[in-house]
Amino acid sequence: MIYCTEDDKGIRELIVYTLSNTGFEAQGFECGTDLFAAMNNRLPKLILLDIMLPGTDGISILKKIRSDPKTKKIPVIMITAKGTEYDKIIGLDSGADDYITKPFGMMELVSRIKAVLRRADIADNDDEYTVGGLNINIKGHTVTCEGRPVSLTLKEFELLRYLIQNEDIVLTRDMLLINIWGYDFTGETRTVDVHIRTLRQKLGPCGNMIGTVRGVGYIIGSKK
């Protein structure tokens, strides 16, 4: 089941119709109140969430979803008419798995949904990784540095997971954009740099294991 929260009735109905005809079960809602009421009865596999909604805005709804243990792992794709880098970063930093800007094609949306669900399935099937004093448990969604718990946002966690799963391999910024955010934000590799900087700070003494390959990207390893 995919839940679509969009206040524009025409767009909402078109999305639900498209998903229903491409192999998905979908249901639409006008506001966050209706979304949470539905989730009390059935949790979805993915949520499509508009930022500009009546009552509670999409970012606030997203933060509430991520703060609830029952819903925090549900993939969320933000849908909005806003297209600035600032809006994208705010959405992604709040825990969104992807971001699509209106107007968009229905087949592009379906592709994004499949990509996010695919990444979520991979994460569910992975186990545990350790590099030096850094440990990440995928299923438990926990990170420790030298035994100390580290609290990360969903996107920071996914970034660390991808780095550590490719230990001692240089990953370009474009590779990180495509594999973590689902597609290439043309000219916006600063998004990666900002997340890497924050991730290093949160990891404390383990942060120096994330190395920078100048002009290329990043690499993680116990010797970095």
N, C-alpha and C. Protein backbone atom coordinates (compact mmCIF):
# COMPACT_ATOMS: atom_id res chain seq x y z
N MET A 1 0.84 -1.20 0.00
CA MET A 1 0.00 0.00 0.00
C MET A 1 0.88 1.26 0.00
N ILE A 2 0.55 2.19 -0.88
CA ILE A 2 1.22 3.48 -0.93
C ILE A 2 0.20 4.56 -0.58
N TYR A 3 0.56 5.43 0.36
CA TYR A 3 -0.31 6.53 0.75
C TYR A 3 0.18 7.82 0.09
N CYS A 4 -0.73 8.55 -0.53
CA CYS A 4 -0.41 9.83 -1.16
C CYS A 4 -1.15 10.94 -0.46
N THR A 5 -0.40 11.86 0.17
CA THR A 5 -1.01 13.00 0.85
C THR A 5 -0.77 14.24 0.01
N GLU A 6 -1.82 14.70 -0.65
CA GLU A 6 -1.76 15.82 -1.61
C GLU A 6 -3.10 16.54 -1.59
N ASP A 7 -3.07 17.87 -1.34
CA ASP A 7 -4.32 18.60 -1.20
C ASP A 7 -4.98 18.93 -2.54
N ASP A 8 -4.24 18.87 -3.64
CA ASP A 8 -4.83 19.09 -4.95
C ASP A 8 -5.54 17.81 -5.39
N LYS A 9 -6.85 17.85 -5.45
CA LYS A 9 -7.65 16.65 -5.73
C LYS A 9 -7.29 16.04 -7.07
N GLY A 10 -7.09 16.89 -8.10
CA GLY A 10 -6.78 16.38 -9.43
C GLY A 10 -5.47 15.62 -9.46
N ILE A 11 -4.43 16.20 -8.83
CA ILE A 11 -3.12 15.54 -8.79
C ILE A 11 -3.20 14.27 -7.96
N ARG A 12 -3.88 14.35 -6.83
CA ARG A 12 -4.00 13.19 -5.94
C ARG A 12 -4.68 12.01 -6.64
N GLU A 13 -5.77 12.30 -7.32
CA GLU A 13 -6.51 11.23 -8.00
C GLU A 13 -5.71 10.66 -9.17
N LEU A 14 -4.94 11.52 -9.87
CA LEU A 14 -4.13 11.04 -10.98
C LEU A 14 -3.02 10.12 -10.47
N ILE A 15 -2.39 10.50 -9.36
CA ILE A 15 -1.34 9.66 -8.79
C ILE A 15 -1.89 8.31 -8.36
N VAL A 16 -3.01 8.32 -7.65
CA VAL A 16 -3.61 7.07 -7.19
C VAL A 16 -4.02 6.20 -8.38
N TYR A 17 -4.58 6.81 -9.41
CA TYR A 17 -4.99 6.08 -10.61
C TYR A 17 -3.78 5.45 -11.29
N THR A 18 -2.70 6.24 -11.45
CA THR A 18 -1.49 5.74 -12.10
C THR A 18 -0.88 4.58 -11.32
N LEU A 19 -0.77 4.73 -10.01
CA LEU A 19 -0.19 3.67 -9.19
C LEU A 19 -1.03 2.40 -9.23
N SER A 20 -2.34 2.58 -9.21
CA SER A 20 -3.24 1.43 -9.24
C SER A 20 -3.15 0.66 -10.56
N ASN A 21 -2.73 1.36 -11.62
CA ASN A 21 -2.61 0.74 -12.93
C ASN A 21 -1.19 0.31 -13.28
N THR A 22 -0.29 0.46 -12.31
CA THR A 22 1.10 0.02 -12.53
C THR A 22 1.53 -0.99 -11.46
N GLY A 23 0.56 -1.68 -10.89
CA GLY A 23 0.86 -2.78 -9.98
C GLY A 23 0.90 -2.45 -8.51
N PHE A 24 0.56 -1.20 -8.15
CA PHE A 24 0.58 -0.81 -6.74
C PHE A 24 -0.84 -0.68 -6.20
N GLU A 25 -0.97 -0.85 -4.91
CA GLU A 25 -2.20 -0.51 -4.21
C GLU A 25 -1.99 0.87 -3.61
N ALA A 26 -2.90 1.80 -3.83
CA ALA A 26 -2.69 3.19 -3.40
C ALA A 26 -3.96 3.80 -2.83
N GLN A 27 -3.75 4.77 -1.94
CA GLN A 27 -4.86 5.50 -1.35
C GLN A 27 -4.44 6.95 -1.14
N GLY A 28 -5.33 7.89 -1.40
CA GLY A 28 -5.01 9.30 -1.31
C GLY A 28 -5.66 9.99 -0.13
N PHE A 29 -4.98 11.04 0.37
CA PHE A 29 -5.50 11.82 1.49
C PHE A 29 -5.25 13.30 1.24
N GLU A 30 -6.11 14.13 1.77
CA GLU A 30 -6.01 15.57 1.55
C GLU A 30 -5.11 16.25 2.56
N CYS A 31 -4.97 15.68 3.75
CA CYS A 31 -4.21 16.33 4.81
C CYS A 31 -3.55 15.31 5.72
N GLY A 32 -2.70 15.81 6.62
CA GLY A 32 -1.98 14.94 7.53
C GLY A 32 -2.88 14.21 8.51
N THR A 33 -3.95 14.87 8.93
CA THR A 33 -4.87 14.24 9.87
C THR A 33 -5.44 12.95 9.30
N ASP A 34 -5.86 13.00 8.03
CA ASP A 34 -6.40 11.81 7.38
C ASP A 34 -5.32 10.74 7.20
N LEU A 35 -4.10 11.18 6.91
CA LEU A 35 -2.99 10.23 6.74
C LEU A 35 -2.73 9.46 8.02
N PHE A 36 -2.61 10.15 9.14
CA PHE A 36 -2.32 9.49 10.40
C PHE A 36 -3.48 8.60 10.86
N ALA A 37 -4.70 9.02 10.54
CA ALA A 37 -5.86 8.19 10.88
C ALA A 37 -5.79 6.86 10.13
N ALA A 38 -5.37 6.91 8.87
CA ALA A 38 -5.24 5.70 8.07
C ALA A 38 -4.12 4.81 8.58
N MET A 39 -3.01 5.44 9.02
CA MET A 39 -1.88 4.66 9.50
C MET A 39 -2.16 3.98 10.82
N ASN A 40 -3.15 4.46 11.55
CA ASN A 40 -3.55 3.78 12.78
C ASN A 40 -4.15 2.42 12.48
N ASN A 41 -4.70 2.27 11.27
CA ASN A 41 -5.31 1.01 10.87
C ASN A 41 -4.38 0.14 10.01
N ARG A 42 -3.57 0.79 9.17
CA ARG A 42 -2.68 0.04 8.28
C ARG A 42 -1.47 0.89 7.91
N LEU A 43 -0.28 0.35 8.09
CA LEU A 43 0.93 1.06 7.73
C LEU A 43 1.25 0.83 6.26
N PRO A 44 1.65 1.86 5.53
CA PRO A 44 1.97 1.71 4.11
C PRO A 44 3.40 1.26 3.89
N LYS A 45 3.72 0.85 2.66
CA LYS A 45 5.10 0.53 2.29
C LYS A 45 5.86 1.79 1.97
N LEU A 46 5.14 2.86 1.57
CA LEU A 46 5.77 4.12 1.18
C LEU A 46 4.74 5.23 1.25
N ILE A 47 5.23 6.45 1.53
CA ILE A 47 4.34 7.62 1.61
C ILE A 47 4.81 8.69 0.64
N LEU A 48 3.89 9.21 -0.17
CA LEU A 48 4.13 10.38 -1.00
C LEU A 48 3.54 11.56 -0.25
N LEU A 49 4.35 12.60 -0.01
CA LEU A 49 3.94 13.67 0.90
C LEU A 49 4.22 15.04 0.31
N ASP A 50 3.17 15.81 0.09
CA ASP A 50 3.32 17.18 -0.38
C ASP A 50 3.76 18.07 0.78
N ILE A 51 4.55 19.08 0.49
CA ILE A 51 4.99 20.00 1.55
C ILE A 51 3.88 20.98 1.91
N MET A 52 3.26 21.58 0.88
CA MET A 52 2.23 22.59 1.12
C MET A 52 0.87 21.92 1.29
N LEU A 53 0.46 21.76 2.57
CA LEU A 53 -0.80 21.10 2.88
C LEU A 53 -1.63 21.97 3.82
N PRO A 54 -2.94 21.82 3.79
CA PRO A 54 -3.79 22.57 4.74
C PRO A 54 -3.54 22.08 6.16
N GLY A 55 -3.52 22.98 7.11
CA GLY A 55 -3.25 22.59 8.48
C GLY A 55 -1.77 22.37 8.71
N THR A 56 -1.38 21.18 9.05
CA THR A 56 0.03 20.86 9.31
C THR A 56 0.78 20.67 7.99
N ASP A 57 1.92 21.34 7.84
CA ASP A 57 2.68 21.24 6.59
C ASP A 57 3.41 19.90 6.50
N GLY A 58 3.87 19.58 5.28
CA GLY A 58 4.50 18.29 5.03
C GLY A 58 5.76 18.04 5.83
N ILE A 59 6.58 19.07 6.04
CA ILE A 59 7.82 18.88 6.81
C ILE A 59 7.50 18.49 8.25
N SER A 60 6.50 19.13 8.84
CA SER A 60 6.11 18.79 10.21
C SER A 60 5.55 17.37 10.28
N ILE A 61 4.79 16.99 9.25
CA ILE A 61 4.26 15.62 9.20
C ILE A 61 5.39 14.62 9.10
N LEU A 62 6.38 14.93 8.24
CA LEU A 62 7.53 14.05 8.06
C LEU A 62 8.28 13.86 9.38
N LYS A 63 8.50 14.94 10.11
CA LYS A 63 9.21 14.84 11.38
C LYS A 63 8.44 13.98 12.38
N LYS A 64 7.12 14.08 12.34
CA LYS A 64 6.30 13.26 13.24
C LYS A 64 6.40 11.79 12.84
N ILE A 65 6.42 11.51 11.54
CA ILE A 65 6.57 10.13 11.06
C ILE A 65 7.90 9.56 11.52
N ARG A 66 8.97 10.35 11.41
CA ARG A 66 10.30 9.86 11.77
C ARG A 66 10.51 9.74 13.29
N SER A 67 9.70 10.42 14.07
CA SER A 67 9.85 10.37 15.52
C SER A 67 9.09 9.21 16.16
N ASP A 68 8.23 8.56 15.38
CA ASP A 68 7.42 7.45 15.90
C ASP A 68 8.09 6.13 15.53
N PRO A 69 8.44 5.29 16.52
CA PRO A 69 9.10 4.02 16.23
C PRO A 69 8.33 3.13 15.25
N LYS A 70 7.00 3.25 15.23
CA LYS A 70 6.18 2.41 14.36
C LYS A 70 6.26 2.86 12.90
N THR A 71 6.57 4.12 12.66
CA THR A 71 6.53 4.64 11.29
C THR A 71 7.87 5.18 10.80
N LYS A 72 8.89 5.24 11.65
CA LYS A 72 10.12 5.96 11.30
C LYS A 72 10.87 5.35 10.12
N LYS A 73 10.66 4.06 9.84
CA LYS A 73 11.38 3.41 8.75
C LYS A 73 10.59 3.39 7.43
N ILE A 74 9.39 3.94 7.43
CA ILE A 74 8.60 3.96 6.20
C ILE A 74 9.23 4.95 5.22
N PRO A 75 9.56 4.53 4.00
CA PRO A 75 10.13 5.46 3.01
C PRO A 75 9.15 6.58 2.68
N VAL A 76 9.69 7.80 2.55
CA VAL A 76 8.87 8.98 2.24
C VAL A 76 9.48 9.74 1.06
N ILE A 77 8.65 10.02 0.06
CA ILE A 77 9.06 10.86 -1.06
C ILE A 77 8.29 12.17 -0.97
N MET A 78 9.01 13.30 -0.89
CA MET A 78 8.37 14.60 -0.81
C MET A 78 7.95 15.06 -2.21
N ILE A 79 6.75 15.61 -2.31
CA ILE A 79 6.24 16.16 -3.56
C ILE A 79 5.86 17.61 -3.31
N THR A 80 6.40 18.52 -4.12
CA THR A 80 6.11 19.93 -3.88
C THR A 80 6.36 20.77 -5.12
N ALA A 81 5.74 21.94 -5.13
CA ALA A 81 5.96 22.88 -6.23
C ALA A 81 7.24 23.65 -6.01
N LYS A 82 7.77 23.61 -4.79
CA LYS A 82 9.01 24.32 -4.49
C LYS A 82 10.18 23.54 -5.06
N GLY A 83 11.13 24.25 -5.68
CA GLY A 83 12.23 23.56 -6.32
C GLY A 83 13.61 24.08 -5.99
N THR A 84 13.73 24.92 -4.96
CA THR A 84 15.03 25.46 -4.62
C THR A 84 15.86 24.42 -3.87
N GLU A 85 17.18 24.59 -3.91
CA GLU A 85 18.07 23.67 -3.21
C GLU A 85 17.78 23.69 -1.72
N TYR A 86 17.43 24.86 -1.17
CA TYR A 86 17.15 24.97 0.26
C TYR A 86 15.99 24.07 0.65
N ASP A 87 14.91 24.09 -0.14
CA ASP A 87 13.75 23.27 0.16
C ASP A 87 14.08 21.79 0.08
N LYS A 88 14.91 21.43 -0.90
CA LYS A 88 15.32 20.03 -1.03
C LYS A 88 16.11 19.59 0.19
N ILE A 89 17.06 20.40 0.61
CA ILE A 89 17.91 20.04 1.74
C ILE A 89 17.09 19.93 3.02
N ILE A 90 16.14 20.86 3.22
CA ILE A 90 15.29 20.81 4.40
C ILE A 90 14.51 19.51 4.43
N GLY A 91 13.92 19.15 3.29
CA GLY A 91 13.15 17.91 3.22
C GLY A 91 14.01 16.69 3.46
N LEU A 92 15.18 16.64 2.82
CA LEU A 92 16.06 15.49 2.96
C LEU A 92 16.65 15.39 4.35
N ASP A 93 17.02 16.53 4.93
CA ASP A 93 17.57 16.53 6.28
C ASP A 93 16.53 16.14 7.32
N SER A 94 15.27 16.34 6.98
CA SER A 94 14.18 15.97 7.90
C SER A 94 13.85 14.49 7.81
N GLY A 95 14.50 13.79 6.87
CA GLY A 95 14.31 12.35 6.79
C GLY A 95 13.65 11.84 5.54
N ALA A 96 13.43 12.71 4.53
CA ALA A 96 12.83 12.24 3.28
C ALA A 96 13.81 11.35 2.54
N ASP A 97 13.27 10.36 1.83
CA ASP A 97 14.12 9.45 1.06
C ASP A 97 14.35 9.94 -0.35
N ASP A 98 13.48 10.78 -0.85
CA ASP A 98 13.63 11.35 -2.18
C ASP A 98 12.76 12.60 -2.26
N TYR A 99 12.89 13.33 -3.36
CA TYR A 99 12.24 14.63 -3.52
C TYR A 99 11.92 14.82 -4.99
N ILE A 100 10.66 15.07 -5.31
CA ILE A 100 10.27 15.29 -6.70
C ILE A 100 9.48 16.59 -6.79
N THR A 101 9.80 17.39 -7.80
CA THR A 101 9.22 18.73 -7.92
C THR A 101 8.17 18.78 -9.01
N LYS A 102 7.03 19.40 -8.71
CA LYS A 102 5.98 19.61 -9.69
C LYS A 102 6.44 20.65 -10.72
N PRO A 103 6.04 20.50 -11.99
CA PRO A 103 5.29 19.36 -12.55
C PRO A 103 6.23 18.19 -12.84
N PHE A 104 5.72 16.98 -12.73
CA PHE A 104 6.52 15.80 -12.99
C PHE A 104 5.67 14.79 -13.77
N GLY A 105 6.33 13.91 -14.49
CA GLY A 105 5.64 12.88 -15.23
C GLY A 105 5.28 11.72 -14.33
N MET A 106 4.17 11.07 -14.60
CA MET A 106 3.73 9.96 -13.77
C MET A 106 4.70 8.79 -13.83
N MET A 107 5.27 8.54 -15.00
CA MET A 107 6.21 7.42 -15.11
C MET A 107 7.51 7.71 -14.36
N GLU A 108 7.89 9.00 -14.30
CA GLU A 108 9.06 9.37 -13.50
C GLU A 108 8.76 9.09 -12.03
N LEU A 109 7.57 9.42 -11.59
CA LEU A 109 7.19 9.17 -10.20
C LEU A 109 7.22 7.68 -9.89
N VAL A 110 6.68 6.88 -10.80
CA VAL A 110 6.68 5.42 -10.59
C VAL A 110 8.11 4.90 -10.48
N SER A 111 9.00 5.41 -11.33
CA SER A 111 10.41 4.99 -11.29
C SER A 111 11.05 5.36 -9.97
N ARG A 112 10.75 6.55 -9.47
CA ARG A 112 11.30 7.00 -8.19
C ARG A 112 10.81 6.08 -7.06
N ILE A 113 9.53 5.76 -7.11
CA ILE A 113 8.95 4.90 -6.07
C ILE A 113 9.63 3.55 -6.07
N LYS A 114 9.81 2.97 -7.25
CA LYS A 114 10.46 1.66 -7.35
C LYS A 114 11.89 1.70 -6.84
N ALA A 115 12.61 2.80 -7.15
CA ALA A 115 14.00 2.94 -6.70
C ALA A 115 14.08 3.03 -5.18
N VAL A 116 13.19 3.81 -4.57
CA VAL A 116 13.19 3.96 -3.12
C VAL A 116 12.83 2.65 -2.44
N LEU A 117 11.82 1.95 -2.96
CA LEU A 117 11.42 0.66 -2.39
C LEU A 117 12.53 -0.37 -2.53
N ARG A 118 13.25 -0.31 -3.65
CA ARG A 118 14.36 -1.23 -3.87
C ARG A 118 15.46 -0.99 -2.84
N ARG A 119 15.79 0.27 -2.59
CA ARG A 119 16.82 0.59 -1.59
C ARG A 119 16.37 0.17 -0.20
N ALA A 120 15.08 0.32 0.09
CA ALA A 120 14.56 -0.07 1.40
C ALA A 120 14.65 -1.59 1.58
N ASP A 121 14.38 -2.34 0.52
CA ASP A 121 14.47 -3.80 0.59
C ASP A 121 15.91 -4.25 0.83
N ILE A 122 16.86 -3.58 0.16
CA ILE A 122 18.27 -3.91 0.34
C ILE A 122 18.69 -3.66 1.78
N ALA A 123 18.25 -2.53 2.31
CA ALA A 123 18.60 -2.20 3.70
C ALA A 123 18.05 -3.23 4.67
N ASP A 124 16.82 -3.72 4.41
CA ASP A 124 16.20 -4.70 5.29
C ASP A 124 16.93 -6.03 5.26
N ASN A 125 17.60 -6.34 4.15
CA ASN A 125 18.27 -7.63 4.00
C ASN A 125 19.72 -7.62 4.48
N ASP A 126 20.26 -6.46 4.71
CA ASP A 126 21.64 -6.36 5.17
C ASP A 126 21.71 -6.64 6.67
N ASP A 127 22.92 -6.88 7.16
CA ASP A 127 23.08 -7.23 8.56
C ASP A 127 23.85 -6.18 9.33
N GLU A 128 25.12 -6.45 9.57
CA GLU A 128 25.92 -5.58 10.43
C GLU A 128 27.31 -5.42 9.84
N TYR A 129 27.87 -4.19 9.95
CA TYR A 129 29.18 -3.89 9.41
C TYR A 129 30.01 -3.18 10.47
N THR A 130 31.33 -3.50 10.47
CA THR A 130 32.24 -2.86 11.41
C THR A 130 33.51 -2.43 10.68
N VAL A 131 33.91 -1.18 10.88
CA VAL A 131 35.18 -0.67 10.36
C VAL A 131 35.88 0.01 11.53
N GLY A 132 37.01 -0.54 11.96
CA GLY A 132 37.68 0.02 13.12
C GLY A 132 36.76 0.00 14.32
N GLY A 133 36.60 1.16 14.98
CA GLY A 133 35.71 1.25 16.12
C GLY A 133 34.29 1.63 15.76
N LEU A 134 34.00 1.67 14.46
CA LEU A 134 32.68 2.08 13.99
C LEU A 134 31.84 0.86 13.64
N ASN A 135 30.63 0.79 14.19
CA ASN A 135 29.73 -0.33 13.92
C ASN A 135 28.36 0.20 13.49
N ILE A 136 27.79 -0.43 12.44
CA ILE A 136 26.46 -0.06 11.98
C ILE A 136 25.62 -1.32 11.84
N ASN A 137 24.49 -1.35 12.49
CA ASN A 137 23.55 -2.47 12.42
C ASN A 137 22.38 -2.03 11.56
N ILE A 138 22.25 -2.62 10.37
CA ILE A 138 21.25 -2.17 9.40
C ILE A 138 19.84 -2.48 9.89
N LYS A 139 19.61 -3.72 10.29
CA LYS A 139 18.27 -4.10 10.72
C LYS A 139 17.85 -3.38 11.99
N GLY A 140 18.80 -3.22 12.92
CA GLY A 140 18.49 -2.51 14.16
C GLY A 140 18.51 -1.01 14.01
N HIS A 141 19.04 -0.53 12.87
CA HIS A 141 19.14 0.90 12.57
C HIS A 141 19.90 1.63 13.69
N THR A 142 21.04 1.04 14.10
CA THR A 142 21.84 1.63 15.16
C THR A 142 23.28 1.83 14.68
N VAL A 143 23.94 2.82 15.26
CA VAL A 143 25.33 3.11 14.96
C VAL A 143 26.05 3.36 16.28
N THR A 144 27.24 2.78 16.41
CA THR A 144 28.06 3.05 17.59
C THR A 144 29.48 3.40 17.16
N CYS A 145 30.10 4.28 17.90
CA CYS A 145 31.51 4.63 17.70
C CYS A 145 32.26 4.31 18.98
N GLU A 146 33.13 3.30 18.93
CA GLU A 146 33.88 2.84 20.10
C GLU A 146 32.93 2.54 21.25
N GLY A 147 31.79 1.92 20.88
CA GLY A 147 30.80 1.51 21.87
C GLY A 147 29.80 2.58 22.25
N ARG A 148 30.00 3.81 21.78
CA ARG A 148 29.10 4.91 22.13
C ARG A 148 28.02 5.05 21.07
N PRO A 149 26.72 5.04 21.46
CA PRO A 149 25.64 5.19 20.49
C PRO A 149 25.71 6.54 19.77
N VAL A 150 25.45 6.54 18.48
CA VAL A 150 25.45 7.75 17.67
C VAL A 150 24.07 7.91 17.04
N SER A 151 23.46 9.08 17.21
CA SER A 151 22.14 9.35 16.65
C SER A 151 22.28 10.04 15.30
N LEU A 152 21.72 9.42 14.25
CA LEU A 152 21.80 9.96 12.90
C LEU A 152 20.41 10.13 12.31
N THR A 153 20.29 11.08 11.38
CA THR A 153 19.06 11.18 10.60
C THR A 153 19.01 10.01 9.63
N LEU A 154 17.86 9.77 9.03
CA LEU A 154 17.73 8.65 8.10
C LEU A 154 18.70 8.79 6.94
N LYS A 155 18.84 9.99 6.39
CA LYS A 155 19.72 10.18 5.25
C LYS A 155 21.19 10.02 5.65
N GLU A 156 21.56 10.48 6.83
CA GLU A 156 22.93 10.28 7.32
C GLU A 156 23.21 8.80 7.51
N PHE A 157 22.22 8.07 8.02
CA PHE A 157 22.38 6.63 8.22
C PHE A 157 22.59 5.93 6.88
N GLU A 158 21.79 6.29 5.87
CA GLU A 158 21.91 5.66 4.56
C GLU A 158 23.26 5.99 3.91
N LEU A 159 23.71 7.21 4.11
CA LEU A 159 25.01 7.62 3.57
C LEU A 159 26.13 6.82 4.21
N LEU A 160 26.10 6.68 5.53
CA LEU A 160 27.11 5.90 6.23
C LEU A 160 27.05 4.44 5.82
N ARG A 161 25.84 3.91 5.67
CA ARG A 161 25.68 2.52 5.25
C ARG A 161 26.32 2.27 3.89
N TYR A 162 26.07 3.16 2.96
CA TYR A 162 26.60 2.99 1.61
C TYR A 162 28.13 3.09 1.61
N LEU A 163 28.66 4.02 2.39
CA LEU A 163 30.11 4.16 2.50
C LEU A 163 30.74 2.90 3.09
N ILE A 164 30.16 2.41 4.17
CA ILE A 164 30.77 1.29 4.88
C ILE A 164 30.59 -0.02 4.12
N GLN A 165 29.53 -0.12 3.32
CA GLN A 165 29.34 -1.31 2.48
C GLN A 165 30.34 -1.32 1.32
N ASN A 166 30.95 -0.18 1.06
CA ASN A 166 31.96 -0.06 0.01
C ASN A 166 33.30 0.35 0.61
N GLU A 167 33.65 -0.28 1.71
CA GLU A 167 34.88 0.05 2.44
C GLU A 167 36.10 0.02 1.52
N ASP A 168 36.92 1.06 1.66
CA ASP A 168 38.18 1.21 0.90
C ASP A 168 37.97 1.42 -0.60
N ILE A 169 36.75 1.80 -0.98
CA ILE A 169 36.45 2.13 -2.37
C ILE A 169 36.10 3.62 -2.45
N VAL A 170 36.72 4.34 -3.37
CA VAL A 170 36.41 5.76 -3.54
C VAL A 170 35.05 5.90 -4.23
N LEU A 171 34.14 6.63 -3.59
CA LEU A 171 32.80 6.86 -4.14
C LEU A 171 32.69 8.32 -4.56
N THR A 172 32.37 8.56 -5.82
CA THR A 172 32.24 9.93 -6.29
C THR A 172 30.99 10.58 -5.73
N ARG A 173 30.94 11.89 -5.77
CA ARG A 173 29.75 12.60 -5.30
C ARG A 173 28.54 12.21 -6.12
N ASP A 174 28.71 12.04 -7.43
CA ASP A 174 27.59 11.65 -8.28
C ASP A 174 27.07 10.27 -7.89
N MET A 175 27.97 9.34 -7.58
CA MET A 175 27.55 8.01 -7.15
C MET A 175 26.73 8.09 -5.86
N LEU A 176 27.18 8.92 -4.94
CA LEU A 176 26.46 9.07 -3.68
C LEU A 176 25.10 9.70 -3.89
N LEU A 177 25.02 10.70 -4.76
CA LEU A 177 23.73 11.34 -5.05
C LEU A 177 22.74 10.34 -5.63
N ILE A 178 23.20 9.56 -6.58
CA ILE A 178 22.32 8.61 -7.26
C ILE A 178 21.88 7.49 -6.33
N ASN A 179 22.81 6.96 -5.53
CA ASN A 179 22.50 5.80 -4.71
C ASN A 179 21.83 6.14 -3.38
N ILE A 180 22.04 7.35 -2.88
CA ILE A 180 21.43 7.72 -1.61
C ILE A 180 20.15 8.53 -1.81
N TRP A 181 20.20 9.45 -2.76
CA TRP A 181 19.02 10.29 -3.00
C TRP A 181 18.18 9.81 -4.18
N GLY A 182 18.65 8.80 -4.88
CA GLY A 182 17.84 8.19 -5.92
C GLY A 182 18.04 8.72 -7.31
N TYR A 183 18.60 9.91 -7.44
CA TYR A 183 18.87 10.46 -8.76
C TYR A 183 19.86 11.59 -8.60
N ASP A 184 20.32 12.11 -9.72
CA ASP A 184 21.38 13.11 -9.71
C ASP A 184 20.81 14.52 -9.62
N PHE A 185 21.06 15.20 -8.50
CA PHE A 185 20.72 16.62 -8.39
C PHE A 185 21.78 17.38 -9.17
N THR A 186 21.50 17.70 -10.41
CA THR A 186 22.51 18.33 -11.26
C THR A 186 23.08 19.59 -10.62
N GLY A 187 24.41 19.60 -10.47
CA GLY A 187 25.07 20.78 -9.93
C GLY A 187 24.90 20.99 -8.45
N GLU A 188 24.37 19.98 -7.73
CA GLU A 188 24.10 20.16 -6.31
C GLU A 188 24.89 19.18 -5.46
N THR A 189 26.14 18.93 -5.83
CA THR A 189 26.97 18.02 -5.05
C THR A 189 27.27 18.58 -3.67
N ARG A 190 27.00 19.85 -3.46
CA ARG A 190 27.18 20.44 -2.12
C ARG A 190 26.31 19.73 -1.09
N THR A 191 25.19 19.17 -1.53
CA THR A 191 24.32 18.40 -0.64
C THR A 191 25.10 17.26 -0.01
N VAL A 192 25.90 16.56 -0.80
CA VAL A 192 26.72 15.47 -0.29
C VAL A 192 27.75 16.00 0.71
N ASP A 193 28.43 17.08 0.35
CA ASP A 193 29.47 17.64 1.21
C ASP A 193 28.90 18.05 2.57
N VAL A 194 27.71 18.65 2.56
CA VAL A 194 27.08 19.08 3.81
C VAL A 194 26.77 17.87 4.69
N HIS A 195 26.24 16.82 4.09
CA HIS A 195 25.91 15.62 4.86
C HIS A 195 27.16 14.91 5.38
N ILE A 196 28.22 14.88 4.59
CA ILE A 196 29.47 14.26 5.04
C ILE A 196 30.03 15.03 6.23
N ARG A 197 30.02 16.36 6.14
CA ARG A 197 30.54 17.17 7.24
C ARG A 197 29.77 16.91 8.54
N THR A 198 28.45 16.89 8.45
CA THR A 198 27.62 16.63 9.63
C THR A 198 27.84 15.23 10.17
N LEU A 199 27.96 14.27 9.25
CA LEU A 199 28.18 12.88 9.65
C LEU A 199 29.50 12.74 10.40
N ARG A 200 30.56 13.37 9.90
CA ARG A 200 31.86 13.32 10.59
C ARG A 200 31.75 13.89 12.00
N GLN A 201 31.05 15.00 12.14
CA GLN A 201 30.91 15.63 13.45
C GLN A 201 30.18 14.71 14.43
N LYS A 202 29.11 14.07 13.95
CA LYS A 202 28.32 13.21 14.83
C LYS A 202 29.08 11.93 15.22
N LEU A 203 29.94 11.45 14.31
CA LEU A 203 30.70 10.22 14.59
C LEU A 203 31.86 10.45 15.56
N GLY A 204 32.18 11.71 15.83
CA GLY A 204 33.24 12.01 16.78
C GLY A 204 34.57 11.43 16.35
N PRO A 205 35.25 10.66 17.23
CA PRO A 205 36.56 10.12 16.89
C PRO A 205 36.55 9.17 15.69
N CYS A 206 35.39 8.62 15.36
CA CYS A 206 35.30 7.72 14.19
C CYS A 206 35.09 8.49 12.89
N GLY A 207 34.84 9.78 13.02
CA GLY A 207 34.58 10.59 11.83
C GLY A 207 35.77 10.70 10.91
N ASN A 208 36.99 10.59 11.48
CA ASN A 208 38.18 10.73 10.63
C ASN A 208 38.42 9.52 9.75
N MET A 209 37.60 8.48 9.89
CA MET A 209 37.70 7.32 9.00
C MET A 209 37.09 7.61 7.63
N ILE A 210 36.30 8.69 7.55
CA ILE A 210 35.75 9.11 6.26
C ILE A 210 36.75 10.06 5.62
N GLY A 211 37.41 9.59 4.60
CA GLY A 211 38.44 10.39 3.94
C GLY A 211 37.91 11.10 2.71
N THR A 212 38.52 12.24 2.39
CA THR A 212 38.18 13.01 1.19
C THR A 212 39.22 12.77 0.11
N VAL A 213 38.76 12.39 -1.07
CA VAL A 213 39.64 12.30 -2.23
C VAL A 213 39.37 13.55 -3.05
N ARG A 214 40.25 14.52 -2.93
CA ARG A 214 40.01 15.85 -3.48
C ARG A 214 39.64 15.80 -4.97
N GLY A 215 38.54 16.46 -5.28
CA GLY A 215 38.08 16.53 -6.66
C GLY A 215 37.34 15.31 -7.14
N VAL A 216 37.23 14.29 -6.27
CA VAL A 216 36.56 13.05 -6.69
C VAL A 216 35.38 12.72 -5.79
N GLY A 217 35.65 12.46 -4.52
CA GLY A 217 34.56 12.06 -3.63
C GLY A 217 35.07 11.65 -2.26
N TYR A 218 34.51 10.54 -1.74
CA TYR A 218 34.82 10.13 -0.37
C TYR A 218 35.07 8.63 -0.29
N ILE A 219 35.78 8.24 0.78
CA ILE A 219 36.12 6.84 1.01
C ILE A 219 36.13 6.61 2.51
N ILE A 220 35.72 5.42 2.93
CA ILE A 220 35.76 5.08 4.34
C ILE A 220 36.66 3.88 4.55
N GLY A 221 37.42 3.90 5.64
CA GLY A 221 38.30 2.79 5.97
C GLY A 221 38.98 3.06 7.30
N SER A 222 39.40 2.01 7.96
CA SER A 222 40.01 2.16 9.29
C SER A 222 41.33 2.91 9.26
N LYS A 223 41.94 3.01 8.07
CA LYS A 223 43.24 3.69 7.95
C LYS A 223 43.10 5.13 7.47
N LYS A 224 41.84 5.60 7.27
CA LYS A 224 41.66 6.97 6.75
C LYS A 224 41.84 7.99 7.85
